[in-house]
Every structure is written in C-alpha cells, then in structure tokens.
Amino acid sequence: MRHTYNKRRTETLDYLQSMLGQLRAMAEAERCDMLTYLIEMAYVEVSDIIRGDRPATSHQPKHKDLRHG
C-alpha cells in the first residue's frame, strides 16, 4: 500500500516538474519576467522535494489574532 502511494506521489511530482518547465519556457518566450521567476521558484521547490532536500509540507506557526486579544 505504501509503495503505491510513493509511486503515485513520485509520478505526480515528476508531472508537476515537467509542466512547470513548460510553463517557464512559455513565460520566458513571452518576456514575462516576474511570471518566469515565480514559475522557476515553483520548479526549484518541486525539484527539492523530489530530491528529498525539502519536505512537501511546511508547518507555519499559528499567529495570534491581535484583534481578539
């Protein structure tokens, strides 16, 4: 069961990386610098996740809502 999840996850991440690469090329061809940069950051992020350099989730500390003391 775990093997199936890992295989599906790997395939999904590979697909995301491929799509992001294509989107990055399209944005670059249209000279959309900021969009190219943001897509590149997503591409790097998924690459890090695939290599195991970064967890797929990040736990953000919950901030206290100052309006409600």
PDB file of N, CA and C in Angstrom:
ATOM      1  N   MET A   1       0.820  -1.183   0.000  1.00  0.00           N
ATOM      2  CA  MET A   1       0.000   0.000   0.000  1.00  0.00           C
ATOM      3  C   MET A   1       0.873   1.259   0.000  1.00  0.00           C
ATOM      4  N   ARG A   2       1.868   1.297   0.853  1.00  0.00           N
ATOM      5  CA  ARG A   2       2.784   2.450   0.933  1.00  0.00           C
ATOM      6  C   ARG A   2       3.548   2.611  -0.373  1.00  0.00           C
ATOM      7  N   HIS A   3       3.927   1.495  -0.979  1.00  0.00           N
ATOM      8  CA  HIS A   3       4.650   1.524  -2.250  1.00  0.00           C
ATOM      9  C   HIS A   3       3.802   2.204  -3.329  1.00  0.00           C
ATOM     10  N   THR A   4       2.501   1.905  -3.355  1.00  0.00           N
ATOM     11  CA  THR A   4       1.596   2.510  -4.332  1.00  0.00           C
ATOM     12  C   THR A   4       1.523   4.017  -4.120  1.00  0.00           C
ATOM     13  N   TYR A   5       1.427   4.447  -2.866  1.00  0.00           N
ATOM     14  CA  TYR A   5       1.388   5.883  -2.561  1.00  0.00           C
ATOM     15  C   TYR A   5       2.673   6.566  -3.023  1.00  0.00           C
ATOM     16  N   ASN A   6       3.827   5.976  -2.697  1.00  0.00           N
ATOM     17  CA  ASN A   6       5.111   6.556  -3.075  1.00  0.00           C
ATOM     18  C   ASN A   6       5.254   6.647  -4.589  1.00  0.00           C
ATOM     19  N   LYS A   7       4.811   5.606  -5.291  1.00  0.00           N
ATOM     20  CA  LYS A   7       4.906   5.609  -6.754  1.00  0.00           C
ATOM     21  C   LYS A   7       4.016   6.701  -7.337  1.00  0.00           C
ATOM     22  N   ARG A   8       2.797   6.803  -6.830  1.00  0.00           N
ATOM     23  CA  ARG A   8       1.867   7.819  -7.319  1.00  0.00           C
ATOM     24  C   ARG A   8       2.395   9.223  -7.017  1.00  0.00           C
ATOM     25  N   ARG A   9       2.932   9.394  -5.818  1.00  0.00           N
ATOM     26  CA  ARG A   9       3.493  10.692  -5.428  1.00  0.00           C
ATOM     27  C   ARG A   9       4.664  11.066  -6.333  1.00  0.00           C
ATOM     28  N   THR A  10       5.544  10.131  -6.585  1.00  0.00           N
ATOM     29  CA  THR A  10       6.683  10.373  -7.465  1.00  0.00           C
ATOM     30  C   THR A  10       6.223  10.746  -8.867  1.00  0.00           C
ATOM     31  N   GLU A  11       5.241  10.020  -9.372  1.00  0.00           N
ATOM     32  CA  GLU A  11       4.713  10.318 -10.709  1.00  0.00           C
ATOM     33  C   GLU A  11       4.075  11.704 -10.741  1.00  0.00           C
ATOM     34  N   THR A  12       3.351  12.061  -9.694  1.00  0.00           N
ATOM     35  CA  THR A  12       2.713  13.373  -9.628  1.00  0.00           C
ATOM     36  C   THR A  12       3.756  14.486  -9.587  1.00  0.00           C
ATOM     37  N   LEU A  13       4.767  14.323  -8.750  1.00  0.00           N
ATOM     38  CA  LEU A  13       5.817  15.334  -8.656  1.00  0.00           C
ATOM     39  C   LEU A  13       6.587  15.456  -9.969  1.00  0.00           C
ATOM     40  N   ASP A  14       6.857  14.344 -10.627  1.00  0.00           N
ATOM     41  CA  ASP A  14       7.527  14.381 -11.931  1.00  0.00           C
ATOM     42  C   ASP A  14       6.681  15.130 -12.954  1.00  0.00           C
ATOM     43  N   TYR A  15       5.377  14.889 -12.928  1.00  0.00           N
ATOM     44  CA  TYR A  15       4.461  15.566 -13.842  1.00  0.00           C
ATOM     45  C   TYR A  15       4.441  17.068 -13.561  1.00  0.00           C
ATOM     46  N   LEU A  16       4.355  17.436 -12.290  1.00  0.00           N
ATOM     47  CA  LEU A  16       4.386  18.850 -11.920  1.00  0.00           C
ATOM     48  C   LEU A  16       5.664  19.515 -12.411  1.00  0.00           C
ATOM     49  N   GLN A  17       6.784  18.857 -12.216  1.00  0.00           N
ATOM     50  CA  GLN A  17       8.060  19.409 -12.643  1.00  0.00           C
ATOM     51  C   GLN A  17       8.082  19.607 -14.159  1.00  0.00           C
ATOM     52  N   SER A  18       7.581  18.651 -14.879  1.00  0.00           N
ATOM     53  CA  SER A  18       7.523  18.753 -16.340  1.00  0.00           C
ATOM     54  C   SER A  18       6.640  19.918 -16.781  1.00  0.00           C
ATOM     55  N   MET A  19       5.459  20.022 -16.193  1.00  0.00           N
ATOM     56  CA  MET A  19       4.534  21.108 -16.551  1.00  0.00           C
ATOM     57  C   MET A  19       5.118  22.474 -16.194  1.00  0.00           C
ATOM     58  N   LEU A  20       5.745  22.572 -15.030  1.00  0.00           N
ATOM     59  CA  LEU A  20       6.359  23.833 -14.635  1.00  0.00           C
ATOM     60  C   LEU A  20       7.485  24.222 -15.587  1.00  0.00           C
ATOM     61  N   GLY A  21       8.249  23.246 -16.039  1.00  0.00           N
ATOM     62  CA  GLY A  21       9.304  23.521 -17.015  1.00  0.00           C
ATOM     63  C   GLY A  21       8.730  24.087 -18.306  1.00  0.00           C
ATOM     64  N   GLN A  22       7.629  23.516 -18.762  1.00  0.00           N
ATOM     65  CA  GLN A  22       6.983  24.007 -19.981  1.00  0.00           C
ATOM     66  C   GLN A  22       6.397  25.399 -19.770  1.00  0.00           C
ATOM     67  N   LEU A  23       5.750  25.614 -18.639  1.00  0.00           N
ATOM     68  CA  LEU A  23       5.191  26.929 -18.337  1.00  0.00           C
ATOM     69  C   LEU A  23       6.285  27.993 -18.229  1.00  0.00           C
ATOM     70  N   ARG A  24       7.391  27.620 -17.622  1.00  0.00           N
ATOM     71  CA  ARG A  24       8.517  28.546 -17.507  1.00  0.00           C
ATOM     72  C   ARG A  24       9.017  28.960 -18.883  1.00  0.00           C
ATOM     73  N   ALA A  25       9.150  28.000 -19.788  1.00  0.00           N
ATOM     74  CA  ALA A  25       9.605  28.301 -21.150  1.00  0.00           C
ATOM     75  C   ALA A  25       8.613  29.215 -21.871  1.00  0.00           C
ATOM     76  N   MET A  26       7.329  28.971 -21.673  1.00  0.00           N
ATOM     77  CA  MET A  26       6.308  29.806 -22.313  1.00  0.00           C
ATOM     78  C   MET A  26       6.354  31.235 -21.763  1.00  0.00           C
ATOM     79  N   ALA A  27       6.462  31.374 -20.454  1.00  0.00           N
ATOM     80  CA  ALA A  27       6.521  32.703 -19.840  1.00  0.00           C
ATOM     81  C   ALA A  27       7.772  33.445 -20.286  1.00  0.00           C
ATOM     82  N   GLU A  28       8.874  32.728 -20.374  1.00  0.00           N
ATOM     83  CA  GLU A  28      10.127  33.333 -20.806  1.00  0.00           C
ATOM     84  C   GLU A  28      10.029  33.799 -22.262  1.00  0.00           C
ATOM     85  N   ALA A  29       9.408  32.989 -23.110  1.00  0.00           N
ATOM     86  CA  ALA A  29       9.242  33.342 -24.522  1.00  0.00           C
ATOM     87  C   ALA A  29       8.389  34.602 -24.682  1.00  0.00           C
ATOM     88  N   GLU A  30       7.475  34.811 -23.763  1.00  0.00           N
ATOM     89  CA  GLU A  30       6.601  35.990 -23.803  1.00  0.00           C
ATOM     90  C   GLU A  30       7.200  37.171 -23.039  1.00  0.00           C
ATOM     91  N   ARG A  31       8.408  36.992 -22.532  1.00  0.00           N
ATOM     92  CA  ARG A  31       9.132  38.027 -21.791  1.00  0.00           C
ATOM     93  C   ARG A  31       8.366  38.513 -20.555  1.00  0.00           C
ATOM     94  N   CYS A  32       7.769  37.572 -19.892  1.00  0.00           N
ATOM     95  CA  CYS A  32       7.068  37.857 -18.633  1.00  0.00           C
ATOM     96  C   CYS A  32       8.019  37.519 -17.494  1.00  0.00           C
ATOM     97  N   ASP A  33       8.885  38.474 -17.189  1.00  0.00           N
ATOM     98  CA  ASP A  33       9.988  38.210 -16.265  1.00  0.00           C
ATOM     99  C   ASP A  33       9.544  37.765 -14.877  1.00  0.00           C
ATOM    100  N   MET A  34       8.592  38.473 -14.292  1.00  0.00           N
ATOM    101  CA  MET A  34       8.153  38.113 -12.943  1.00  0.00           C
ATOM    102  C   MET A  34       7.471  36.755 -12.944  1.00  0.00           C
ATOM    103  N   LEU A  35       6.639  36.496 -13.925  1.00  0.00           N
ATOM    104  CA  LEU A  35       5.968  35.200 -14.029  1.00  0.00           C
ATOM    105  C   LEU A  35       6.989  34.086 -14.231  1.00  0.00           C
ATOM    106  N   THR A  36       7.975  34.331 -15.068  1.00  0.00           N
ATOM    107  CA  THR A  36       9.046  33.349 -15.283  1.00  0.00           C
ATOM    108  C   THR A  36       9.753  33.045 -13.968  1.00  0.00           C
ATOM    109  N   TYR A  37      10.060  34.089 -13.213  1.00  0.00           N
ATOM    110  CA  TYR A  37      10.734  33.920 -11.930  1.00  0.00           C
ATOM    111  C   TYR A  37       9.893  33.090 -10.954  1.00  0.00           C
ATOM    112  N   LEU A  38       8.615  33.419 -10.838  1.00  0.00           N
ATOM    113  CA  LEU A  38       7.749  32.696  -9.899  1.00  0.00           C
ATOM    114  C   LEU A  38       7.602  31.228 -10.292  1.00  0.00           C
ATOM    115  N   ILE A  39       7.467  30.969 -11.570  1.00  0.00           N
ATOM    116  CA  ILE A  39       7.370  29.583 -12.035  1.00  0.00           C
ATOM    117  C   ILE A  39       8.687  28.866 -11.774  1.00  0.00           C
ATOM    118  N   GLU A  40       9.793  29.555 -11.981  1.00  0.00           N
ATOM    119  CA  GLU A  40      11.110  28.968 -11.707  1.00  0.00           C
ATOM    120  C   GLU A  40      11.235  28.590 -10.233  1.00  0.00           C
ATOM    121  N   MET A  41      10.732  29.442  -9.336  1.00  0.00           N
ATOM    122  CA  MET A  41      10.779  29.135  -7.904  1.00  0.00           C
ATOM    123  C   MET A  41       9.952  27.886  -7.593  1.00  0.00           C
ATOM    124  N   ALA A  42       8.801  27.752  -8.228  1.00  0.00           N
ATOM    125  CA  ALA A  42       7.983  26.546  -8.030  1.00  0.00           C
ATOM    126  C   ALA A  42       8.712  25.323  -8.585  1.00  0.00           C
ATOM    127  N   TYR A  43       9.391  25.490  -9.721  1.00  0.00           N
ATOM    128  CA  TYR A  43      10.160  24.397 -10.323  1.00  0.00           C
ATOM    129  C   TYR A  43      11.281  23.947  -9.380  1.00  0.00           C
ATOM    130  N   VAL A  44      11.984  24.907  -8.814  1.00  0.00           N
ATOM    131  CA  VAL A  44      13.063  24.592  -7.867  1.00  0.00           C
ATOM    132  C   VAL A  44      12.495  23.899  -6.630  1.00  0.00           C
ATOM    133  N   GLU A  45      11.352  24.378  -6.154  1.00  0.00           N
ATOM    134  CA  GLU A  45      10.716  23.785  -4.980  1.00  0.00           C
ATOM    135  C   GLU A  45      10.377  22.309  -5.220  1.00  0.00           C
ATOM    136  N   VAL A  46       9.738  22.016  -6.342  1.00  0.00           N
ATOM    137  CA  VAL A  46       9.371  20.620  -6.616  1.00  0.00           C
ATOM    138  C   VAL A  46      10.631  19.774  -6.830  1.00  0.00           C
ATOM    139  N   SER A  47      11.669  20.364  -7.409  1.00  0.00           N
ATOM    140  CA  SER A  47      12.935  19.636  -7.574  1.00  0.00           C
ATOM    141  C   SER A  47      13.528  19.268  -6.217  1.00  0.00           C
ATOM    142  N   ASP A  48      13.477  20.226  -5.279  1.00  0.00           N
ATOM    143  CA  ASP A  48      13.981  19.963  -3.925  1.00  0.00           C
ATOM    144  C   ASP A  48      13.175  18.862  -3.244  1.00  0.00           C
ATOM    145  N   ILE A  49      11.865  18.881  -3.422  1.00  0.00           N
ATOM    146  CA  ILE A  49      11.008  17.855  -2.816  1.00  0.00           C
ATOM    147  C   ILE A  49      11.344  16.488  -3.403  1.00  0.00           C
ATOM    148  N   ILE A  50      11.507  16.420  -4.713  1.00  0.00           N
ATOM    149  CA  ILE A  50      11.841  15.150  -5.372  1.00  0.00           C
ATOM    150  C   ILE A  50      13.158  14.601  -4.840  1.00  0.00           C
ATOM    151  N   ARG A  51      14.152  15.469  -4.673  1.00  0.00           N
ATOM    152  CA  ARG A  51      15.462  15.028  -4.178  1.00  0.00           C
ATOM    153  C   ARG A  51      15.457  14.741  -2.683  1.00  0.00           C
ATOM    154  N   GLY A  52      14.397  15.161  -1.990  1.00  0.00           N
ATOM    155  CA  GLY A  52      14.339  14.944  -0.548  1.00  0.00           C
ATOM    156  C   GLY A  52      15.023  16.032   0.244  1.00  0.00           C
ATOM    157  N   ASP A  53      15.375  17.145  -0.414  1.00  0.00           N
ATOM    158  CA  ASP A  53      16.040  18.251   0.271  1.00  0.00           C
ATOM    159  C   ASP A  53      15.069  19.128   1.049  1.00  0.00           C
ATOM    160  N   ARG A  54      13.783  18.979   0.769  1.00  0.00           N
ATOM    161  CA  ARG A  54      12.780  19.827   1.417  1.00  0.00           C
ATOM    162  C   ARG A  54      11.518  18.995   1.618  1.00  0.00           C
ATOM    163  N   PRO A  55      10.870  19.140   2.769  1.00  0.00           N
ATOM    164  CA  PRO A  55       9.614  18.404   2.971  1.00  0.00           C
ATOM    165  C   PRO A  55       8.515  18.960   2.061  1.00  0.00           C
ATOM    166  N   ALA A  56       7.544  18.132   1.746  1.00  0.00           N
ATOM    167  CA  ALA A  56       6.434  18.552   0.893  1.00  0.00           C
ATOM    168  C   ALA A  56       5.523  19.531   1.601  1.00  0.00           C
ATOM    169  N   THR A  57       5.525  19.510   2.931  1.00  0.00           N
ATOM    170  CA  THR A  57       4.694  20.444   3.692  1.00  0.00           C
ATOM    171  C   THR A  57       5.585  21.247   4.614  1.00  0.00           C
ATOM    172  N   SER A  58       5.158  22.431   4.887  1.00  0.00           N
ATOM    173  CA  SER A  58       5.867  23.243   5.880  1.00  0.00           C
ATOM    174  C   SER A  58       4.850  23.671   6.918  1.00  0.00           C
ATOM    175  N   HIS A  59       5.204  23.479   8.136  1.00  0.00           N
ATOM    176  CA  HIS A  59       4.296  23.813   9.230  1.00  0.00           C
ATOM    177  C   HIS A  59       4.591  25.236   9.676  1.00  0.00           C
ATOM    178  N   GLN A  60       3.658  26.121   9.419  1.00  0.00           N
ATOM    179  CA  GLN A  60       3.788  27.511   9.816  1.00  0.00           C
ATOM    180  C   GLN A  60       3.223  27.671  11.219  1.00  0.00           C
ATOM    181  N   PRO A  61       3.929  28.401  12.075  1.00  0.00           N
ATOM    182  CA  PRO A  61       3.372  28.653  13.399  1.00  0.00           C
ATOM    183  C   PRO A  61       2.119  29.510  13.259  1.00  0.00           C
ATOM    184  N   LYS A  62       1.130  29.201  14.075  1.00  0.00           N
ATOM    185  CA  LYS A  62      -0.101  29.985  14.026  1.00  0.00           C
ATOM    186  C   LYS A  62       0.136  31.310  14.739  1.00  0.00           C
ATOM    187  N   HIS A  63      -0.263  32.378  14.062  1.00  0.00           N
ATOM    188  CA  HIS A  63      -0.104  33.705  14.647  1.00  0.00           C
ATOM    189  C   HIS A  63      -1.352  34.061  15.438  1.00  0.00           C
ATOM    190  N   LYS A  64      -1.134  34.654  16.566  1.00  0.00           N
ATOM    191  CA  LYS A  64      -2.251  35.080  17.404  1.00  0.00           C
ATOM    192  C   LYS A  64      -2.933  36.261  16.727  1.00  0.00           C
ATOM    193  N   ASP A  65      -4.242  36.210  16.652  1.00  0.00           N
ATOM    194  CA  ASP A  65      -5.017  37.296  16.080  1.00  0.00           C
ATOM    195  C   ASP A  65      -5.050  38.427  17.099  1.00  0.00           C
ATOM    196  N   LEU A  66      -4.331  39.502  16.825  1.00  0.00           N
ATOM    197  CA  LEU A  66      -4.193  40.604  17.784  1.00  0.00           C
ATOM    198  C   LEU A  66      -5.498  41.374  17.974  1.00  0.00           C
ATOM    199  N   ARG A  67      -6.421  41.254  17.039  1.00  0.00           N
ATOM    200  CA  ARG A  67      -7.684  41.974  17.171  1.00  0.00           C
ATOM    201  C   ARG A  67      -8.552  41.388  18.274  1.00  0.00           C
ATOM    202  N   HIS A  68      -8.337  40.130  18.583  1.00  0.00           N
ATOM    203  CA  HIS A  68      -9.197  39.468  19.569  1.00  0.00           C
ATOM    204  C   HIS A  68      -8.442  39.106  20.848  1.00  0.00           C
ATOM    205  N   GLY A  69      -7.289  39.770  21.042  1.00  0.00           N
ATOM    206  CA  GLY A  69      -6.512  39.684  22.265  1.00  0.00           C
ATOM    207  C   GLY A  69      -6.211  38.358  22.731  1.00  0.00           C
TER     208      GLY A  69
END
